[in-house]
Structures are given as structure tokens and as C-alpha cells.
Amino acid sequence: MEVNEDRLNSFMGKMIGDVGAAMSASLMLLGDKLGLYKALAKGGPMDSAALAKATGTAERYVREWLSA
């Protein structure tokens, strides 16, 4: 069976995009449940330490969430 490289590359690009979107959706849900978005809306721009303090969460995990 011959593999069509163009179709394979197109499929792989779509699959990677879909996986990235799924990961972003879970991070959005996490940010909502932890109150990260509300804290940012209320307090304006802040770094990971300030956001963690405002929400009562661990700074390291907030830093990772922000970088994503």
C-alpha cells in the first residue's frame, strides 16, 4: 500500500492541533475552578506569586498554568 505523504501530513497537522486544543480546554477549566481568571480580572496583571497568594494556590503550579 502506498502512503500519500500530503494526506498524511495534513492529518498529522490536524491531529496535533486537536490535541493542543484539548489540552488548552482543560487548562481553561482548571483556571476557572481555581478562581484564577476572577483574581486576574479583579486585581489586574500580576505575577505567579501574587496570583497564587490571591487564590490560595501553590505558586509553582500557578506559574506553570500561566506559562501554558
C-alpha atoms as a PDB file:
ATOM      1  CA  MET A   1       0.000   0.000   0.000  1.00  0.00           C
ATOM      2  CA  GLU A   2       1.377   3.378  -0.993  1.00  0.00           C
ATOM      3  CA  VAL A   3       1.234   6.204   1.552  1.00  0.00           C
ATOM      4  CA  ASN A   4       0.116   9.616   0.329  1.00  0.00           C
ATOM      5  CA  GLU A   5       2.576  11.941   2.092  1.00  0.00           C
ATOM      6  CA  ASP A   6       0.446  15.058   1.600  1.00  0.00           C
ATOM      7  CA  ARG A   7      -2.647  13.461   3.135  1.00  0.00           C
ATOM      8  CA  LEU A   8      -0.590  12.010   5.996  1.00  0.00           C
ATOM      9  CA  ASN A   9       0.988  15.401   6.780  1.00  0.00           C
ATOM     10  CA  SER A  10      -2.409  17.076   6.645  1.00  0.00           C
ATOM     11  CA  PHE A  11      -3.859  14.500   9.032  1.00  0.00           C
ATOM     12  CA  MET A  12      -0.930  14.813  11.449  1.00  0.00           C
ATOM     13  CA  GLY A  13      -1.236  18.606  11.480  1.00  0.00           C
ATOM     14  CA  LYS A  14      -4.949  18.399  12.280  1.00  0.00           C
ATOM     15  CA  MET A  15      -4.382  15.790  14.970  1.00  0.00           C
ATOM     16  CA  ILE A  16      -1.685  17.869  16.697  1.00  0.00           C
ATOM     17  CA  GLY A  17      -3.933  20.932  16.569  1.00  0.00           C
ATOM     18  CA  ASP A  18      -6.824  18.990  18.106  1.00  0.00           C
ATOM     19  CA  VAL A  19      -4.633  17.625  20.911  1.00  0.00           C
ATOM     20  CA  GLY A  20      -3.386  21.141  21.669  1.00  0.00           C
ATOM     21  CA  ALA A  21      -6.951  22.459  21.779  1.00  0.00           C
ATOM     22  CA  ALA A  22      -7.996  19.678  24.161  1.00  0.00           C
ATOM     23  CA  MET A  23      -5.118  20.485  26.487  1.00  0.00           C
ATOM     24  CA  SER A  24      -5.987  24.189  26.433  1.00  0.00           C
ATOM     25  CA  ALA A  25      -9.606  23.443  27.274  1.00  0.00           C
ATOM     26  CA  SER A  26      -8.614  21.528  30.391  1.00  0.00           C
ATOM     27  CA  LEU A  27      -6.338  24.382  31.481  1.00  0.00           C
ATOM     28  CA  MET A  28      -9.176  26.862  30.985  1.00  0.00           C
ATOM     29  CA  LEU A  29     -11.459  24.726  33.139  1.00  0.00           C
ATOM     30  CA  LEU A  30      -8.781  24.462  35.816  1.00  0.00           C
ATOM     31  CA  GLY A  31      -8.235  28.232  35.823  1.00  0.00           C
ATOM     32  CA  ASP A  32     -11.958  28.805  36.175  1.00  0.00           C
ATOM     33  CA  LYS A  33     -12.418  26.297  39.016  1.00  0.00           C
ATOM     34  CA  LEU A  34      -9.445  27.683  40.968  1.00  0.00           C
ATOM     35  CA  GLY A  35     -10.613  31.279  40.540  1.00  0.00           C
ATOM     36  CA  LEU A  36      -7.502  32.321  38.643  1.00  0.00           C
ATOM     37  CA  TYR A  37      -9.420  34.234  35.975  1.00  0.00           C
ATOM     38  CA  LYS A  38     -11.563  36.043  38.561  1.00  0.00           C
ATOM     39  CA  ALA A  39      -8.486  37.052  40.542  1.00  0.00           C
ATOM     40  CA  LEU A  40      -6.800  38.394  37.396  1.00  0.00           C
ATOM     41  CA  ALA A  41      -9.949  40.288  36.395  1.00  0.00           C
ATOM     42  CA  LYS A  42     -10.246  41.807  39.862  1.00  0.00           C
ATOM     43  CA  GLY A  43      -6.573  42.533  40.541  1.00  0.00           C
ATOM     44  CA  GLY A  44      -5.258  43.237  37.061  1.00  0.00           C
ATOM     45  CA  PRO A  45      -1.899  41.975  35.812  1.00  0.00           C
ATOM     46  CA  MET A  46       0.104  40.071  38.413  1.00  0.00           C
ATOM     47  CA  ASP A  47       2.931  37.594  38.584  1.00  0.00           C
ATOM     48  CA  SER A  48       2.587  33.975  39.654  1.00  0.00           C
ATOM     49  CA  ALA A  49       3.408  34.696  43.322  1.00  0.00           C
ATOM     50  CA  ALA A  50       0.751  37.397  43.622  1.00  0.00           C
ATOM     51  CA  LEU A  51      -1.847  35.293  41.801  1.00  0.00           C
ATOM     52  CA  ALA A  52      -1.114  32.284  43.992  1.00  0.00           C
ATOM     53  CA  LYS A  53      -1.450  34.414  47.119  1.00  0.00           C
ATOM     54  CA  ALA A  54      -4.728  35.930  45.883  1.00  0.00           C
ATOM     55  CA  THR A  55      -6.229  32.498  45.176  1.00  0.00           C
ATOM     56  CA  GLY A  56      -4.660  30.427  47.937  1.00  0.00           C
ATOM     57  CA  THR A  57      -2.930  28.117  45.483  1.00  0.00           C
ATOM     58  CA  ALA A  58       0.647  26.884  45.105  1.00  0.00           C
ATOM     59  CA  GLU A  59       2.874  29.374  43.290  1.00  0.00           C
ATOM     60  CA  ARG A  60       4.718  26.734  41.289  1.00  0.00           C
ATOM     61  CA  TYR A  61       1.519  25.354  39.794  1.00  0.00           C
ATOM     62  CA  VAL A  62       0.195  28.832  39.062  1.00  0.00           C
ATOM     63  CA  ARG A  63       3.479  29.620  37.293  1.00  0.00           C
ATOM     64  CA  GLU A  64       3.096  26.503  35.144  1.00  0.00           C
ATOM     65  CA  TRP A  65      -0.543  27.384  34.389  1.00  0.00           C
ATOM     66  CA  LEU A  66       0.437  30.925  33.386  1.00  0.00           C
ATOM     67  CA  SER A  67       3.204  29.703  31.087  1.00  0.00           C
ATOM     68  CA  ALA A  68       0.767  27.413  29.279  1.00  0.00           C
END
